[in-house]
Amino acid sequence: MGRQERRAISKLQKRRLRWLEKLRKRDSIIDQVVAQIEEDFDEEEVNMAKVFFVDYLTDSGLFADTGEELYLPQLGKICKEYGLEVADAMLIMDMAEDIFSAAERGDKS
């Protein structure tokens, strides 16, 4: 990967993080997920975990080509690009699902 490509990826990641922070201010559920990510991940990992969450949430980036089902081999390849372990990615996805589900149950009450 060349210098320009790394720079373009870095800029894209920064834009995704800025978007997430704006969304976080407007949506308490997103804020809960991001707060949990910040609590569970080290300072060095937290930004990539957030970018992973943005891409997962919006079905963009490396998630754009996965379709409806996400299989473990696909997830392993995706995780490498974010510098995450598969278990970390699964934690983020499960955490998001739990928080969204709890919010949905709360709306029905």
N, C-alpha and C. Protein backbone atom coordinates (compact mmCIF):
# COMPACT_ATOMS: atom_id res chain seq x y z
N MET A 1 0.84 -1.17 0.00
CA MET A 1 0.00 0.00 0.00
C MET A 1 0.89 1.23 0.00
N GLY A 2 0.63 2.12 -0.93
CA GLY A 2 1.44 3.32 -1.05
C GLY A 2 1.05 4.38 -0.04
N ARG A 3 1.88 5.39 0.01
CA ARG A 3 1.68 6.47 0.97
C ARG A 3 0.36 7.20 0.72
N GLN A 4 0.03 7.46 -0.53
CA GLN A 4 -1.21 8.15 -0.85
C GLN A 4 -2.44 7.32 -0.47
N GLU A 5 -2.36 6.03 -0.70
CA GLU A 5 -3.47 5.16 -0.35
C GLU A 5 -3.68 5.12 1.16
N ARG A 6 -2.60 5.02 1.91
CA ARG A 6 -2.71 5.03 3.38
C ARG A 6 -3.30 6.35 3.87
N ARG A 7 -2.88 7.44 3.24
CA ARG A 7 -3.38 8.76 3.61
C ARG A 7 -4.88 8.88 3.31
N ALA A 8 -5.30 8.37 2.17
CA ALA A 8 -6.72 8.41 1.80
C ALA A 8 -7.55 7.58 2.78
N ILE A 9 -7.06 6.42 3.16
CA ILE A 9 -7.75 5.57 4.13
C ILE A 9 -7.85 6.27 5.48
N SER A 10 -6.77 6.91 5.89
CA SER A 10 -6.76 7.63 7.16
C SER A 10 -7.78 8.77 7.16
N LYS A 11 -7.87 9.49 6.06
CA LYS A 11 -8.85 10.58 5.96
C LYS A 11 -10.27 10.03 6.01
N LEU A 12 -10.50 8.93 5.33
CA LEU A 12 -11.82 8.30 5.33
C LEU A 12 -12.20 7.86 6.74
N GLN A 13 -11.26 7.28 7.46
CA GLN A 13 -11.53 6.85 8.83
C GLN A 13 -11.85 8.05 9.72
N LYS A 14 -11.14 9.15 9.54
CA LYS A 14 -11.40 10.35 10.34
C LYS A 14 -12.79 10.90 10.05
N ARG A 15 -13.20 10.88 8.78
CA ARG A 15 -14.55 11.33 8.43
C ARG A 15 -15.61 10.44 9.07
N ARG A 16 -15.37 9.16 9.08
CA ARG A 16 -16.32 8.23 9.71
C ARG A 16 -16.42 8.49 11.21
N LEU A 17 -15.30 8.75 11.84
CA LEU A 17 -15.31 9.04 13.28
C LEU A 17 -16.04 10.36 13.57
N ARG A 18 -15.83 11.37 12.72
CA ARG A 18 -16.54 12.65 12.90
C ARG A 18 -18.05 12.45 12.75
N TRP A 19 -18.44 11.66 11.74
CA TRP A 19 -19.86 11.38 11.52
C TRP A 19 -20.45 10.66 12.73
N LEU A 20 -19.71 9.69 13.26
CA LEU A 20 -20.18 8.94 14.42
C LEU A 20 -20.38 9.86 15.61
N GLU A 21 -19.47 10.79 15.83
CA GLU A 21 -19.61 11.72 16.95
C GLU A 21 -20.84 12.60 16.78
N LYS A 22 -21.12 13.05 15.55
CA LYS A 22 -22.33 13.85 15.30
C LYS A 22 -23.58 13.01 15.54
N LEU A 23 -23.58 11.78 15.05
CA LEU A 23 -24.72 10.89 15.23
C LEU A 23 -24.92 10.58 16.70
N ARG A 24 -23.84 10.44 17.40
CA ARG A 24 -23.88 10.13 18.83
C ARG A 24 -24.62 11.21 19.62
N LYS A 25 -24.46 12.46 19.21
CA LYS A 25 -25.13 13.57 19.89
C LYS A 25 -26.63 13.57 19.64
N ARG A 26 -27.05 13.01 18.51
CA ARG A 26 -28.47 13.01 18.15
C ARG A 26 -29.20 11.74 18.55
N ASP A 27 -28.47 10.68 18.80
CA ASP A 27 -29.10 9.37 19.02
C ASP A 27 -28.54 8.73 20.28
N SER A 28 -29.38 8.60 21.29
CA SER A 28 -28.91 8.07 22.57
C SER A 28 -28.53 6.60 22.49
N ILE A 29 -29.14 5.86 21.59
CA ILE A 29 -28.80 4.44 21.44
C ILE A 29 -27.39 4.30 20.87
N ILE A 30 -27.09 5.07 19.84
CA ILE A 30 -25.74 5.07 19.27
C ILE A 30 -24.74 5.50 20.33
N ASP A 31 -25.11 6.50 21.12
CA ASP A 31 -24.23 6.97 22.20
C ASP A 31 -23.93 5.85 23.18
N GLN A 32 -24.93 5.03 23.50
CA GLN A 32 -24.71 3.90 24.42
C GLN A 32 -23.72 2.90 23.84
N VAL A 33 -23.87 2.59 22.56
CA VAL A 33 -22.96 1.63 21.92
C VAL A 33 -21.54 2.17 21.93
N VAL A 34 -21.38 3.43 21.52
CA VAL A 34 -20.04 4.03 21.45
C VAL A 34 -19.43 4.13 22.84
N ALA A 35 -20.22 4.49 23.82
CA ALA A 35 -19.71 4.56 25.20
C ALA A 35 -19.21 3.19 25.66
N GLN A 36 -19.93 2.13 25.29
CA GLN A 36 -19.51 0.78 25.66
C GLN A 36 -18.21 0.41 24.94
N ILE A 37 -18.10 0.79 23.66
CA ILE A 37 -16.85 0.54 22.92
C ILE A 37 -15.69 1.25 23.61
N GLU A 38 -15.91 2.51 23.99
CA GLU A 38 -14.84 3.27 24.66
C GLU A 38 -14.45 2.64 25.98
N GLU A 39 -15.40 2.05 26.65
CA GLU A 39 -15.12 1.40 27.93
C GLU A 39 -14.36 0.09 27.75
N ASP A 40 -14.70 -0.66 26.70
CA ASP A 40 -14.17 -2.01 26.53
C ASP A 40 -12.83 -2.08 25.78
N PHE A 41 -12.48 -1.04 25.05
CA PHE A 41 -11.27 -1.09 24.23
C PHE A 41 -10.22 -0.12 24.73
N ASP A 42 -8.95 -0.51 24.55
CA ASP A 42 -7.83 0.34 24.92
C ASP A 42 -7.77 1.56 24.02
N GLU A 43 -7.06 2.56 24.47
CA GLU A 43 -6.93 3.81 23.73
C GLU A 43 -6.42 3.58 22.30
N GLU A 44 -5.50 2.64 22.14
CA GLU A 44 -4.92 2.37 20.82
C GLU A 44 -5.93 1.69 19.88
N GLU A 45 -6.87 0.97 20.44
CA GLU A 45 -7.82 0.19 19.65
C GLU A 45 -9.16 0.89 19.42
N VAL A 46 -9.47 1.86 20.25
CA VAL A 46 -10.83 2.40 20.28
C VAL A 46 -11.26 3.03 18.95
N ASN A 47 -10.38 3.77 18.29
CA ASN A 47 -10.79 4.40 17.04
C ASN A 47 -11.08 3.38 15.95
N MET A 48 -10.28 2.34 15.86
CA MET A 48 -10.55 1.32 14.85
C MET A 48 -11.81 0.54 15.20
N ALA A 49 -12.06 0.34 16.48
CA ALA A 49 -13.29 -0.32 16.89
C ALA A 49 -14.50 0.53 16.52
N LYS A 50 -14.37 1.85 16.66
CA LYS A 50 -15.46 2.75 16.27
C LYS A 50 -15.67 2.74 14.76
N VAL A 51 -14.58 2.75 14.00
CA VAL A 51 -14.69 2.70 12.54
C VAL A 51 -15.35 1.38 12.13
N PHE A 52 -14.95 0.29 12.77
CA PHE A 52 -15.58 -1.00 12.51
C PHE A 52 -17.09 -0.90 12.76
N PHE A 53 -17.48 -0.30 13.87
CA PHE A 53 -18.90 -0.14 14.20
C PHE A 53 -19.63 0.70 13.15
N VAL A 54 -19.03 1.80 12.71
CA VAL A 54 -19.64 2.64 11.68
C VAL A 54 -19.89 1.82 10.42
N ASP A 55 -18.89 1.08 9.99
CA ASP A 55 -19.04 0.29 8.77
C ASP A 55 -20.07 -0.82 8.95
N TYR A 56 -20.09 -1.42 10.11
CA TYR A 56 -21.08 -2.46 10.41
C TYR A 56 -22.48 -1.86 10.43
N LEU A 57 -22.63 -0.72 11.08
CA LEU A 57 -23.92 -0.05 11.21
C LEU A 57 -24.47 0.39 9.86
N THR A 58 -23.60 0.91 9.02
CA THR A 58 -24.04 1.48 7.74
C THR A 58 -23.90 0.52 6.58
N ASP A 59 -23.42 -0.69 6.86
CA ASP A 59 -23.21 -1.69 5.81
C ASP A 59 -22.32 -1.13 4.70
N SER A 60 -21.26 -0.46 5.12
CA SER A 60 -20.34 0.15 4.17
C SER A 60 -18.93 -0.37 4.40
N GLY A 61 -17.99 0.20 3.70
CA GLY A 61 -16.61 -0.26 3.83
C GLY A 61 -16.51 -1.72 3.48
N LEU A 62 -15.83 -2.47 4.29
CA LEU A 62 -15.63 -3.89 4.04
C LEU A 62 -16.90 -4.71 4.20
N PHE A 63 -17.92 -4.15 4.84
CA PHE A 63 -19.19 -4.85 5.01
C PHE A 63 -20.09 -4.74 3.79
N ALA A 64 -19.77 -3.85 2.88
CA ALA A 64 -20.63 -3.61 1.72
C ALA A 64 -20.82 -4.85 0.85
N ASP A 65 -19.84 -5.70 0.80
CA ASP A 65 -19.90 -6.87 -0.08
C ASP A 65 -20.25 -8.17 0.63
N THR A 66 -20.65 -8.10 1.89
CA THR A 66 -20.91 -9.34 2.63
C THR A 66 -22.31 -9.88 2.44
N GLY A 67 -23.25 -9.06 2.01
CA GLY A 67 -24.62 -9.54 1.84
C GLY A 67 -25.32 -9.69 3.17
N GLU A 68 -26.39 -10.48 3.16
CA GLU A 68 -27.21 -10.67 4.36
C GLU A 68 -26.49 -11.46 5.44
N GLU A 69 -25.73 -12.45 5.06
CA GLU A 69 -25.05 -13.32 6.02
C GLU A 69 -23.57 -12.96 6.10
N LEU A 70 -23.04 -12.98 7.30
CA LEU A 70 -21.62 -12.75 7.52
C LEU A 70 -21.04 -14.01 8.13
N TYR A 71 -20.15 -14.64 7.40
CA TYR A 71 -19.56 -15.90 7.84
C TYR A 71 -18.22 -15.63 8.51
N LEU A 72 -17.82 -16.55 9.36
CA LEU A 72 -16.59 -16.40 10.13
C LEU A 72 -15.36 -16.14 9.27
N PRO A 73 -15.15 -16.85 8.15
CA PRO A 73 -13.98 -16.54 7.32
C PRO A 73 -14.00 -15.10 6.79
N GLN A 74 -15.20 -14.61 6.42
CA GLN A 74 -15.32 -13.22 5.97
C GLN A 74 -14.97 -12.27 7.11
N LEU A 75 -15.49 -12.57 8.28
CA LEU A 75 -15.25 -11.72 9.43
C LEU A 75 -13.76 -11.68 9.77
N GLY A 76 -13.09 -12.81 9.64
CA GLY A 76 -11.65 -12.84 9.89
C GLY A 76 -10.88 -11.92 8.97
N LYS A 77 -11.25 -11.91 7.70
CA LYS A 77 -10.59 -11.02 6.72
C LYS A 77 -10.89 -9.56 7.03
N ILE A 78 -12.14 -9.29 7.39
CA ILE A 78 -12.53 -7.91 7.71
C ILE A 78 -11.76 -7.42 8.94
N CYS A 79 -11.67 -8.26 9.95
CA CYS A 79 -11.00 -7.89 11.20
C CYS A 79 -9.55 -7.49 10.98
N LYS A 80 -8.87 -8.19 10.10
CA LYS A 80 -7.47 -7.87 9.82
C LYS A 80 -7.31 -6.43 9.37
N GLU A 81 -8.26 -5.97 8.56
CA GLU A 81 -8.19 -4.60 8.03
C GLU A 81 -8.39 -3.55 9.12
N TYR A 82 -9.10 -3.92 10.17
CA TYR A 82 -9.35 -2.99 11.28
C TYR A 82 -8.38 -3.20 12.43
N GLY A 83 -7.52 -4.19 12.31
CA GLY A 83 -6.57 -4.47 13.39
C GLY A 83 -7.25 -5.02 14.63
N LEU A 84 -8.36 -5.73 14.43
CA LEU A 84 -9.11 -6.31 15.54
C LEU A 84 -9.05 -7.82 15.48
N GLU A 85 -9.22 -8.45 16.60
CA GLU A 85 -9.38 -9.89 16.68
C GLU A 85 -10.84 -10.22 16.36
N VAL A 86 -11.08 -11.41 15.88
CA VAL A 86 -12.45 -11.83 15.57
C VAL A 86 -13.34 -11.71 16.81
N ALA A 87 -12.81 -12.10 17.95
CA ALA A 87 -13.59 -12.02 19.20
C ALA A 87 -13.97 -10.57 19.51
N ASP A 88 -13.08 -9.62 19.21
CA ASP A 88 -13.39 -8.20 19.42
C ASP A 88 -14.54 -7.76 18.51
N ALA A 89 -14.47 -8.18 17.26
CA ALA A 89 -15.52 -7.83 16.31
C ALA A 89 -16.86 -8.42 16.74
N MET A 90 -16.82 -9.65 17.17
CA MET A 90 -18.06 -10.30 17.62
C MET A 90 -18.61 -9.59 18.86
N LEU A 91 -17.72 -9.15 19.74
CA LEU A 91 -18.15 -8.39 20.91
C LEU A 91 -18.86 -7.11 20.49
N ILE A 92 -18.29 -6.37 19.56
CA ILE A 92 -18.90 -5.12 19.09
C ILE A 92 -20.27 -5.39 18.47
N MET A 93 -20.36 -6.40 17.61
CA MET A 93 -21.62 -6.70 16.95
C MET A 93 -22.68 -7.17 17.95
N ASP A 94 -22.30 -8.02 18.88
CA ASP A 94 -23.24 -8.50 19.90
C ASP A 94 -23.68 -7.37 20.82
N MET A 95 -22.74 -6.53 21.20
CA MET A 95 -23.04 -5.39 22.06
C MET A 95 -24.05 -4.46 21.38
N ALA A 96 -23.80 -4.16 20.12
CA ALA A 96 -24.71 -3.29 19.37
C ALA A 96 -26.09 -3.93 19.28
N GLU A 97 -26.13 -5.20 18.95
CA GLU A 97 -27.41 -5.91 18.84
C GLU A 97 -28.16 -5.90 20.17
N ASP A 98 -27.46 -6.14 21.26
CA ASP A 98 -28.10 -6.14 22.58
C ASP A 98 -28.68 -4.76 22.92
N ILE A 99 -27.93 -3.71 22.65
CA ILE A 99 -28.38 -2.36 22.98
C ILE A 99 -29.56 -1.96 22.09
N PHE A 100 -29.46 -2.26 20.78
CA PHE A 100 -30.58 -1.95 19.88
C PHE A 100 -31.83 -2.75 20.25
N SER A 101 -31.66 -4.01 20.58
CA SER A 101 -32.80 -4.85 20.97
C SER A 101 -33.46 -4.36 22.25
N ALA A 102 -32.64 -3.98 23.22
CA ALA A 102 -33.18 -3.47 24.48
C ALA A 102 -33.95 -2.17 24.24
N ALA A 103 -33.43 -1.33 23.38
CA ALA A 103 -34.12 -0.07 23.06
C ALA A 103 -35.44 -0.34 22.35
N GLU A 104 -35.42 -1.31 21.45
CA GLU A 104 -36.64 -1.66 20.73
C GLU A 104 -37.70 -2.22 21.67
N ARG A 105 -37.28 -3.08 22.60
CA ARG A 105 -38.22 -3.61 23.60
C ARG A 105 -38.78 -2.49 24.47
N GLY A 106 -37.93 -1.53 24.78
CA GLY A 106 -38.38 -0.39 25.58
C GLY A 106 -39.38 0.47 24.85
N ASP A 107 -39.25 0.59 23.54
CA ASP A 107 -40.19 1.37 22.73
C ASP A 107 -41.55 0.70 22.66
N LYS A 108 -41.58 -0.61 22.73
CA LYS A 108 -42.85 -1.34 22.64
C LYS A 108 -43.62 -1.32 23.95
N SER A 109 -42.93 -0.98 25.03
CA SER A 109 -43.59 -0.98 26.36
C SER A 109 -44.46 0.25 26.54
